[in-house]
Amino acid sequence: MATLLMIESWMRSTGQALPGVIARLGHRYVLFTRDPDLYPASQAGAPHPVVAGAETVVRVDTNDLDALVAEATSLARRERIDGVLTTCDYYLEAVATVAEALRLPGPPAEVMRLATRKHRVRQALAEAGVAGPRFAVASGWEECLVTAAEIGYPLVAKPTDRNAGTAVRRVDGEAALKDAFWEITGDTHNTRGQPLERVVLLEELLDGPEVSVEAVTCHGGTTIVGVTDKSVTGPPSFVESGHMFPADLDPDAATGVEDHVRRALDALGFTHGLSHTEVKLTAHGPRIVEINPRQAGGYIFELIHLVTGTHPLEILIELSLGHVPSIGTDTAPVLSAEPPAASAAIMFLLSPRDGTVIAVDGTERLVGDPTVTRWTAPVPTRVRYPRSNDDYLGHVVAVDHHGRRARALAERAVGGLLLRFDDGDAVAPAGVPSGVVAR
């Protein structure tokens, strides 16, 4: 049994799943958090898995690296700590810093400091000659206006240090640029109380299908686990509406995007960890949208497990312990009693309007659908038109055991639902059909 130090966590998806995976592998963990109340109980009153699964919960200012290292060092004097990890983007640098202080496995802290700041990633890729979009960083409105004109509309405006698609906007002109600028620079802190840089990254708009490359880097060598297709809602936001693993790409296209991602990771000096790299397949070749130096969110880890038997969260744990992970094999599938799927997909339940959803019609069909492995649609709940990846009402996971039709099956399932609002309105979910089709 190993003892892991978990420094904060996401509240959903990977955050909810990781505690169970740690327990299944026979390990335990200590949770470092600023506030256990960040992890709310379910609507049924069950405690959040991150808190419930912890052997010990330690309150410490996780936003203060010096305090964090001091507390971790003190803990390591009292009991053996075998690895440090998190599922939360905002604490990747902290995990690397603590791991270095405790002489435990992990990426260099300076690499994580680079990899978690989008503008520095763009600069590093450009310096290494990795083809990408034109980009610039602006800190004031006048600079932003001039820079946008130089890049040319339409373009994408995004913050340099936020996650989940928050405040990432398509900009088609000066009026939209002004809205994006004030949205990005208006907030002083992120959702975890950390100060934001409040600068705007402007990028040339990339056209083409979007995929993500899921990879594992160990001792400097990168293994591609697979490629996931992605669908997003319409402008001005880029909210992810669904994924399918594996993406339905021809072999040459898959090889091209995988090689491009390897070059990008090498340019960052990324030598250890999981990565989730978003890529546009443009007419001029693959182009990086974003590099996320952590496991994929949005339940992509579940899709990978259903298809390959490899569980990315198991890999996260193995890497934190300094083990070379086994990729493509599995001890025992736990997410489905069915045989491995040829493809697996998730579609998110998104609302086309703001309001309170009191019921979701059609869920009884999900129960009887043999292609649906899991679904959730908790009601009543407040919803809004999707502005970030945190605006999900629920989701449906579907599998195809014979081919690459899992996305179509998931879209069919979500397309058969109806959202009922407390004002009497009844509407279909947003984001279906996605426009992404299998060959």
Protein backbone atom coordinates (compact mmCIF):
# COMPACT_ATOMS: atom_id res chain seq x y z
CA MET A 1 0.00 0.00 0.00
CA ALA A 2 1.29 3.44 -0.96
CA THR A 3 0.36 6.75 0.66
CA LEU A 4 -0.32 9.55 -1.80
CA LEU A 5 -0.53 13.26 -1.15
CA MET A 6 -3.43 14.77 -3.12
CA ILE A 7 -3.22 18.55 -3.46
CA GLU A 8 -6.76 19.69 -4.20
CA SER A 9 -8.85 18.12 -6.98
CA TRP A 10 -11.46 18.82 -9.57
CA MET A 11 -14.96 18.50 -8.21
CA ARG A 12 -16.42 16.49 -11.12
CA SER A 13 -15.31 13.91 -13.68
CA THR A 14 -11.72 12.98 -12.77
CA GLY A 15 -12.09 14.42 -9.28
CA GLN A 16 -15.00 12.16 -8.47
CA ALA A 17 -13.40 9.09 -10.05
CA LEU A 18 -9.82 9.25 -8.73
CA PRO A 19 -10.54 8.39 -5.05
CA GLY A 20 -12.20 5.13 -6.07
CA VAL A 21 -9.31 4.20 -8.36
CA ILE A 22 -6.80 4.88 -5.56
CA ALA A 23 -8.78 2.61 -3.23
CA ARG A 24 -9.17 -0.11 -5.86
CA LEU A 25 -5.40 -0.21 -6.33
CA GLY A 26 -4.98 -0.67 -2.56
CA HIS A 27 -3.53 2.77 -1.81
CA ARG A 28 -4.54 5.58 0.53
CA TYR A 29 -4.26 9.36 0.30
CA VAL A 30 -4.00 12.49 2.40
CA LEU A 31 -5.89 15.51 1.06
CA PHE A 32 -4.38 18.98 1.28
CA THR A 33 -7.05 21.63 0.73
CA ARG A 34 -7.72 25.26 1.52
CA ASP A 35 -11.29 24.39 2.38
CA PRO A 36 -13.04 20.99 2.45
CA ASP A 37 -16.31 22.80 1.72
CA LEU A 38 -15.04 23.38 -1.84
CA TYR A 39 -16.14 19.79 -2.44
CA PRO A 40 -19.92 19.77 -2.00
CA ALA A 41 -22.10 16.81 -1.11
CA SER A 42 -24.38 15.32 -3.77
CA GLN A 43 -28.03 16.27 -4.02
CA ALA A 44 -28.77 13.07 -2.10
CA GLY A 45 -26.50 14.26 0.72
CA ALA A 46 -23.56 11.90 0.14
CA PRO A 47 -20.18 13.50 0.87
CA HIS A 48 -17.99 14.32 -2.10
CA PRO A 49 -15.67 11.38 -2.95
CA VAL A 50 -12.54 13.55 -2.66
CA VAL A 51 -13.28 14.27 1.01
CA ALA A 52 -14.97 10.97 1.83
CA GLY A 53 -12.10 8.88 0.46
CA ALA A 54 -9.28 10.74 2.21
CA GLU A 55 -7.49 9.03 5.06
CA THR A 56 -6.81 12.50 6.48
CA VAL A 57 -7.88 15.99 5.42
CA VAL A 58 -5.32 18.72 6.13
CA ARG A 59 -6.25 22.39 5.89
CA VAL A 60 -3.42 24.37 4.36
CA ASP A 61 -3.20 27.36 2.06
CA THR A 62 -2.67 25.43 -1.16
CA ASN A 63 -2.23 28.70 -3.04
CA ASP A 64 0.91 29.51 -0.99
CA LEU A 65 3.78 27.39 -2.32
CA ASP A 66 6.00 28.06 0.69
CA ALA A 67 3.26 27.08 3.15
CA LEU A 68 2.42 24.05 1.04
CA VAL A 69 6.01 22.80 0.92
CA ALA A 70 6.42 23.39 4.66
CA GLU A 71 3.26 21.42 5.49
CA ALA A 72 4.18 18.60 3.10
CA THR A 73 7.69 18.40 4.56
CA SER A 74 6.25 18.24 8.06
CA LEU A 75 3.84 15.49 7.02
CA ALA A 76 6.67 13.51 5.37
CA ARG A 77 8.61 13.58 8.64
CA ARG A 78 5.68 11.92 10.44
CA GLU A 79 4.73 9.35 7.82
CA ARG A 80 5.98 8.04 4.52
CA ILE A 81 4.63 9.82 1.44
CA ASP A 82 5.15 7.88 -1.78
CA GLY A 83 3.77 10.25 -4.40
CA VAL A 84 2.08 13.60 -5.01
CA LEU A 85 -0.76 14.19 -7.46
CA THR A 86 -3.80 16.25 -8.38
CA THR A 87 -6.47 16.27 -11.07
CA CYS A 88 -6.78 20.09 -10.95
CA ASP A 89 -5.00 22.29 -13.50
CA TYR A 90 -4.54 25.07 -10.98
CA TYR A 91 -2.33 22.91 -8.75
CA LEU A 92 -0.10 21.16 -11.29
CA GLU A 93 2.79 23.51 -10.57
CA ALA A 94 2.21 23.08 -6.83
CA VAL A 95 2.34 19.29 -7.15
CA ALA A 96 5.60 19.47 -9.11
CA THR A 97 7.08 21.88 -6.54
CA VAL A 98 6.14 19.66 -3.58
CA ALA A 99 7.38 16.53 -5.37
CA GLU A 100 10.72 18.21 -5.96
CA ALA A 101 10.93 19.27 -2.31
CA LEU A 102 10.17 15.72 -1.12
CA ARG A 103 12.40 14.15 -3.82
CA LEU A 104 9.49 12.23 -5.26
CA PRO A 105 8.69 11.49 -8.94
CA GLY A 106 7.23 14.28 -11.02
CA PRO A 107 7.92 16.76 -13.80
CA PRO A 108 10.25 19.73 -13.22
CA ALA A 109 8.33 22.56 -11.57
CA GLU A 110 9.69 25.04 -14.11
CA VAL A 111 8.21 22.96 -16.94
CA MET A 112 4.79 22.95 -15.30
CA ARG A 113 5.06 26.69 -14.74
CA LEU A 114 5.55 27.04 -18.49
CA ALA A 115 3.03 24.42 -19.59
CA THR A 116 0.14 25.87 -17.56
CA ARG A 117 0.40 29.34 -19.10
CA LYS A 118 -1.02 29.45 -22.59
CA HIS A 119 0.95 32.40 -23.92
CA ARG A 120 4.27 30.92 -22.76
CA VAL A 121 3.35 27.65 -24.49
CA ARG A 122 2.69 29.54 -27.73
CA GLN A 123 6.07 31.28 -27.43
CA ALA A 124 7.91 28.02 -26.74
CA LEU A 125 6.28 26.27 -29.71
CA ALA A 126 7.08 29.18 -32.03
CA GLU A 127 10.72 29.25 -30.88
CA ALA A 128 10.99 25.51 -31.54
CA GLY A 129 9.58 25.89 -35.05
CA VAL A 130 6.34 24.00 -34.35
CA ALA A 131 3.80 25.36 -36.84
CA GLY A 132 0.92 27.20 -35.20
CA PRO A 133 -1.44 30.15 -35.55
CA ARG A 134 -0.38 33.77 -35.45
CA PHE A 135 -0.74 35.06 -31.88
CA ALA A 136 0.04 37.97 -29.58
CA VAL A 137 -0.50 38.95 -25.94
CA ALA A 138 -2.12 42.24 -24.93
CA SER A 139 -2.50 43.72 -21.46
CA GLY A 140 -4.36 46.96 -22.24
CA TRP A 141 -7.34 47.80 -24.42
CA GLU A 142 -5.49 49.96 -26.95
CA GLU A 143 -2.79 47.32 -27.34
CA CYS A 144 -5.47 44.67 -27.73
CA LEU A 145 -7.25 46.68 -30.43
CA VAL A 146 -4.08 47.28 -32.44
CA THR A 147 -2.87 43.69 -32.09
CA ALA A 148 -6.23 42.25 -33.17
CA ALA A 149 -6.14 44.35 -36.32
CA GLU A 150 -2.65 43.05 -37.10
CA ILE A 151 -3.71 39.40 -36.71
CA GLY A 152 -7.01 40.00 -38.51
CA TYR A 153 -10.60 39.03 -37.79
CA PRO A 154 -12.04 36.55 -37.07
CA LEU A 155 -9.78 35.53 -34.20
CA VAL A 156 -9.89 33.86 -30.80
CA ALA A 157 -9.44 35.73 -27.52
CA LYS A 158 -8.65 33.76 -24.38
CA PRO A 159 -7.16 34.20 -20.92
CA THR A 160 -3.67 32.80 -20.41
CA ASP A 161 -4.30 31.01 -17.13
CA ARG A 162 -7.83 29.66 -16.89
CA ASN A 163 -9.40 26.31 -17.69
CA ALA A 164 -12.58 24.58 -18.94
CA GLY A 165 -12.96 26.96 -21.87
CA THR A 166 -13.73 29.84 -19.49
CA ALA A 167 -13.81 33.19 -21.32
CA VAL A 168 -12.51 31.69 -24.58
CA ARG A 169 -14.35 33.59 -27.31
CA ARG A 170 -14.52 33.88 -31.07
CA VAL A 171 -14.17 37.53 -32.03
CA ASP A 172 -15.45 38.82 -35.36
CA GLY A 173 -14.99 42.55 -34.85
CA GLU A 174 -14.19 45.41 -32.50
CA ALA A 175 -17.44 45.22 -30.50
CA ALA A 176 -16.95 41.53 -29.74
CA LEU A 177 -13.28 42.17 -28.96
CA LYS A 178 -14.23 44.76 -26.36
CA ASP A 179 -16.64 42.32 -24.69
CA ALA A 180 -13.98 39.60 -24.67
CA PHE A 181 -11.31 41.96 -23.34
CA TRP A 182 -13.38 43.06 -20.37
CA GLU A 183 -14.56 39.55 -19.64
CA ILE A 184 -10.98 38.25 -19.59
CA THR A 185 -9.45 41.14 -17.66
CA GLY A 186 -12.41 41.81 -15.36
CA ASP A 187 -11.93 38.90 -12.94
CA THR A 188 -9.05 39.24 -10.52
CA HIS A 189 -9.00 35.65 -9.24
CA ASN A 190 -9.93 32.20 -10.52
CA THR A 191 -12.42 29.85 -8.87
CA ARG A 192 -9.72 28.65 -6.44
CA GLY A 193 -8.80 32.13 -5.22
CA GLN A 194 -5.58 32.41 -7.19
CA PRO A 195 -4.70 35.78 -8.77
CA LEU A 196 -5.11 35.93 -12.54
CA GLU A 197 -2.62 37.48 -14.94
CA ARG A 198 -5.47 39.42 -16.61
CA VAL A 199 -3.87 39.58 -20.05
CA VAL A 200 -5.46 38.60 -23.34
CA LEU A 201 -4.04 35.99 -25.68
CA LEU A 202 -5.16 36.71 -29.24
CA GLU A 203 -4.85 33.93 -31.79
CA GLU A 204 -5.60 33.44 -35.46
CA LEU A 205 -8.82 31.43 -35.82
CA LEU A 206 -8.09 27.86 -36.90
CA ASP A 207 -10.51 26.06 -39.25
CA GLY A 208 -11.00 22.32 -39.38
CA PRO A 209 -12.14 19.36 -37.27
CA GLU A 210 -10.86 19.27 -33.69
CA VAL A 211 -9.35 16.27 -31.94
CA SER A 212 -7.38 15.71 -28.78
CA VAL A 213 -4.33 13.51 -28.36
CA GLU A 214 -4.10 11.57 -25.11
CA ALA A 215 -0.50 10.73 -24.24
CA VAL A 216 1.77 9.43 -21.49
CA THR A 217 5.33 10.68 -21.10
CA CYS A 218 7.73 8.74 -18.90
CA HIS A 219 11.50 9.22 -18.66
CA GLY A 220 11.24 11.62 -21.58
CA GLY A 221 9.56 9.18 -23.96
CA THR A 222 6.00 9.81 -25.09
CA THR A 223 3.48 7.06 -25.83
CA ILE A 224 0.24 8.02 -27.58
CA VAL A 225 -2.73 6.31 -25.95
CA GLY A 226 -5.07 7.47 -28.69
CA VAL A 227 -6.87 10.32 -30.43
CA THR A 228 -10.31 11.58 -29.39
CA ASP A 229 -12.70 13.47 -31.64
CA LYS A 230 -14.38 16.58 -30.24
CA SER A 231 -17.44 18.65 -30.95
CA VAL A 232 -18.03 22.16 -29.66
CA THR A 233 -21.01 24.49 -29.52
CA GLY A 234 -21.28 27.40 -31.90
CA PRO A 235 -19.68 30.82 -31.45
CA PRO A 236 -18.94 32.91 -29.60
CA SER A 237 -18.02 30.22 -27.04
CA PHE A 238 -16.15 26.96 -27.58
CA VAL A 239 -17.93 24.67 -25.12
CA GLU A 240 -17.28 20.97 -25.66
CA SER A 241 -20.54 19.18 -26.44
CA GLY A 242 -19.18 15.65 -26.87
CA HIS A 243 -16.28 13.29 -27.50
CA MET A 244 -15.67 9.92 -29.14
CA PHE A 245 -12.70 7.62 -28.62
CA PRO A 246 -11.03 6.65 -30.83
CA ALA A 247 -11.48 9.37 -33.41
CA ASP A 248 -12.41 8.11 -36.86
CA LEU A 249 -9.22 9.21 -38.63
CA ASP A 250 -7.40 7.62 -41.53
CA PRO A 251 -3.98 6.24 -40.51
CA ASP A 252 -1.95 8.98 -42.24
CA ALA A 253 -3.93 11.75 -40.53
CA ALA A 254 -3.58 10.03 -37.15
CA THR A 255 0.18 9.64 -37.59
CA GLY A 256 0.53 13.27 -38.61
CA VAL A 257 -1.31 14.63 -35.59
CA GLU A 258 0.52 12.30 -33.19
CA ASP A 259 3.92 13.35 -34.54
CA HIS A 260 2.93 17.02 -34.29
CA VAL A 261 1.98 16.58 -30.64
CA ARG A 262 5.23 14.78 -29.82
CA ARG A 263 7.18 17.71 -31.29
CA ALA A 264 5.11 20.14 -29.23
CA LEU A 265 5.66 18.25 -25.98
CA ASP A 266 9.38 18.06 -26.69
CA ALA A 267 9.42 21.83 -27.27
CA LEU A 268 8.08 22.34 -23.74
CA GLY A 269 10.62 20.01 -22.20
CA PHE A 270 7.78 17.79 -21.02
CA THR A 271 9.37 14.62 -19.64
CA HIS A 272 6.89 13.18 -17.15
CA GLY A 273 3.13 12.96 -16.94
CA LEU A 274 -0.15 12.61 -18.75
CA SER A 275 -1.08 15.14 -21.40
CA HIS A 276 -4.23 16.10 -23.25
CA THR A 277 -3.43 18.16 -26.34
CA GLU A 278 -6.18 19.76 -28.41
CA VAL A 279 -5.45 19.99 -32.12
CA LYS A 280 -7.18 21.43 -35.17
CA LEU A 281 -6.81 19.47 -38.41
CA THR A 282 -6.42 22.39 -40.79
CA ALA A 283 -5.88 22.41 -44.54
CA HIS A 284 -2.22 23.23 -43.82
CA GLY A 285 -1.74 20.39 -41.34
CA PRO A 286 -2.32 19.87 -37.61
CA ARG A 287 -2.14 22.94 -35.39
CA ILE A 288 -2.09 23.02 -31.58
CA VAL A 289 -5.11 24.62 -29.93
CA GLU A 290 -3.95 24.03 -26.34
CA ILE A 291 -1.63 21.71 -24.44
CA ASN A 292 -2.97 20.52 -21.09
CA PRO A 293 -0.20 18.81 -19.05
CA ARG A 294 -2.62 16.52 -17.23
CA GLN A 295 -5.20 13.82 -17.82
CA ALA A 296 -8.13 14.56 -20.12
CA GLY A 297 -11.31 15.83 -18.52
CA GLY A 298 -14.86 15.45 -19.75
CA TYR A 299 -14.92 11.72 -18.89
CA ILE A 300 -12.50 10.96 -21.73
CA PHE A 301 -10.67 8.73 -19.24
CA GLU A 302 -13.82 6.58 -19.11
CA LEU A 303 -14.05 6.33 -22.90
CA ILE A 304 -10.41 5.25 -23.12
CA HIS A 305 -10.98 2.63 -20.45
CA LEU A 306 -14.08 1.24 -22.17
CA VAL A 307 -12.21 0.81 -25.45
CA THR A 308 -8.62 -0.06 -24.52
CA GLY A 309 -8.76 -1.36 -20.96
CA THR A 310 -6.15 1.26 -20.05
CA HIS A 311 -7.34 3.56 -17.27
CA PRO A 312 -5.65 6.99 -17.43
CA LEU A 313 -6.23 7.61 -13.72
CA GLU A 314 -4.38 4.38 -12.94
CA ILE A 315 -1.55 5.74 -15.08
CA LEU A 316 -1.65 9.03 -13.13
CA ILE A 317 -1.16 7.09 -9.90
CA GLU A 318 1.61 4.90 -11.34
CA LEU A 319 3.51 7.94 -12.61
CA SER A 320 3.24 9.66 -9.24
CA LEU A 321 4.83 6.59 -7.65
CA GLY A 322 7.67 6.54 -10.16
CA HIS A 323 6.48 3.38 -11.89
CA VAL A 324 6.59 2.86 -15.65
CA PRO A 325 2.89 2.47 -16.43
CA SER A 326 1.45 -0.41 -18.42
CA ILE A 327 -0.45 0.97 -21.40
CA GLY A 328 -2.92 -1.14 -23.34
CA THR A 329 -3.54 -3.70 -20.60
CA ASP A 330 -5.77 -3.66 -17.56
CA THR A 331 -6.07 -5.49 -14.26
CA ALA A 332 -9.87 -5.68 -14.34
CA PRO A 333 -12.34 -3.39 -16.15
CA VAL A 334 -14.60 -1.75 -13.60
CA LEU A 335 -16.57 0.80 -15.61
CA SER A 336 -18.51 -1.74 -17.65
CA ALA A 337 -19.32 -5.42 -17.42
CA GLU A 338 -19.44 -5.57 -21.21
CA PRO A 339 -16.55 -6.70 -23.46
CA PRO A 340 -14.24 -3.91 -24.72
CA ALA A 341 -15.97 -1.53 -27.09
CA ALA A 342 -14.77 -0.63 -30.58
CA SER A 343 -15.68 2.99 -29.82
CA ALA A 344 -17.16 4.91 -26.90
CA ALA A 345 -18.68 8.38 -26.80
CA ILE A 346 -20.08 10.92 -24.42
CA MET A 347 -22.57 13.66 -25.22
CA PHE A 348 -23.17 16.40 -22.69
CA LEU A 349 -26.61 17.64 -21.81
CA LEU A 350 -26.55 21.38 -22.56
CA SER A 351 -29.32 23.90 -22.25
CA PRO A 352 -30.10 26.35 -25.08
CA ARG A 353 -31.36 28.92 -22.54
CA ASP A 354 -31.00 30.14 -18.96
CA GLY A 355 -33.45 29.01 -16.30
CA THR A 356 -34.37 26.16 -13.95
CA VAL A 357 -34.82 22.67 -15.38
CA ILE A 358 -37.31 20.71 -13.29
CA ALA A 359 -37.50 17.52 -15.36
CA VAL A 360 -35.89 15.73 -18.30
CA ASP A 361 -38.33 13.79 -20.47
CA GLY A 362 -37.19 10.65 -22.26
CA THR A 363 -34.75 9.26 -19.70
CA GLU A 364 -36.79 6.06 -19.50
CA ARG A 365 -35.55 5.25 -23.01
CA LEU A 366 -31.97 5.54 -21.80
CA VAL A 367 -32.60 2.83 -19.21
CA GLY A 368 -33.69 0.39 -21.92
CA ASP A 369 -31.03 1.32 -24.48
CA PRO A 370 -28.34 -1.41 -24.61
CA THR A 371 -25.81 0.97 -26.16
CA VAL A 372 -26.03 3.41 -23.21
CA THR A 373 -23.66 2.40 -20.42
CA ARG A 374 -24.31 5.33 -18.09
CA TRP A 375 -26.19 8.60 -17.94
CA THR A 376 -26.91 11.40 -15.51
CA ALA A 377 -29.41 14.27 -15.56
CA PRO A 378 -29.93 15.57 -12.01
CA VAL A 379 -32.94 17.86 -11.57
CA PRO A 380 -34.12 20.34 -10.49
CA THR A 381 -31.14 22.52 -11.28
CA ARG A 382 -30.27 26.00 -12.50
CA VAL A 383 -28.79 26.10 -15.99
CA ARG A 384 -27.56 28.72 -18.42
CA TYR A 385 -26.71 28.92 -22.08
CA PRO A 386 -23.26 27.25 -22.21
CA ARG A 387 -20.37 29.65 -21.76
CA SER A 388 -17.78 27.18 -20.43
CA ASN A 389 -17.31 23.45 -19.90
CA ASP A 390 -18.71 23.87 -16.39
CA ASP A 391 -22.22 24.46 -17.78
CA TYR A 392 -23.24 20.83 -18.17
CA LEU A 393 -26.62 19.63 -16.92
CA GLY A 394 -25.69 15.98 -17.37
CA HIS A 395 -24.33 13.50 -19.92
CA VAL A 396 -24.85 10.19 -21.70
CA VAL A 397 -22.14 7.59 -22.39
CA ALA A 398 -22.70 5.15 -25.27
CA VAL A 399 -20.64 2.37 -26.83
CA ASP A 400 -20.45 0.59 -30.17
CA HIS A 401 -18.94 -2.88 -29.92
CA HIS A 402 -18.50 -3.26 -33.67
CA GLY A 403 -17.31 0.03 -35.16
CA ARG A 404 -17.01 3.82 -34.88
CA ARG A 405 -20.69 4.68 -34.40
CA ALA A 406 -20.59 5.44 -30.68
CA ARG A 407 -20.94 9.19 -31.26
CA ALA A 408 -24.03 8.69 -33.42
CA LEU A 409 -25.53 6.47 -30.74
CA ALA A 410 -24.81 8.99 -27.98
CA GLU A 411 -26.21 11.84 -30.06
CA ARG A 412 -29.35 9.83 -30.79
CA ALA A 413 -29.82 9.21 -27.07
CA VAL A 414 -29.38 12.87 -26.08
CA GLY A 415 -31.42 14.06 -29.07
CA GLY A 416 -34.40 12.08 -27.75
CA LEU A 417 -34.49 14.05 -24.49
CA LEU A 418 -36.54 17.15 -23.67
CA LEU A 419 -35.70 19.73 -20.99
CA ARG A 420 -38.70 21.02 -19.01
CA PHE A 421 -38.37 24.40 -17.29
CA ASP A 422 -40.23 25.76 -14.30
CA ASP A 423 -41.87 28.41 -16.53
CA GLY A 424 -43.56 25.69 -18.63
CA ASP A 425 -41.12 25.82 -21.53
CA ALA A 426 -39.90 22.51 -22.99
CA VAL A 427 -36.88 22.51 -25.31
CA ALA A 428 -34.45 20.09 -26.91
CA PRO A 429 -30.85 20.00 -25.62
CA ALA A 430 -28.28 22.16 -27.37
CA GLY A 431 -25.36 20.74 -29.32
CA VAL A 432 -27.22 17.94 -31.13
CA PRO A 433 -26.56 17.12 -33.90
CA SER A 434 -22.89 18.03 -33.57
CA GLY A 435 -21.99 17.77 -37.24
CA VAL A 436 -19.21 15.27 -36.48
CA VAL A 437 -19.91 12.06 -38.38
CA ALA A 438 -18.11 8.76 -38.75
CA ARG A 439 -16.74 7.84 -42.15
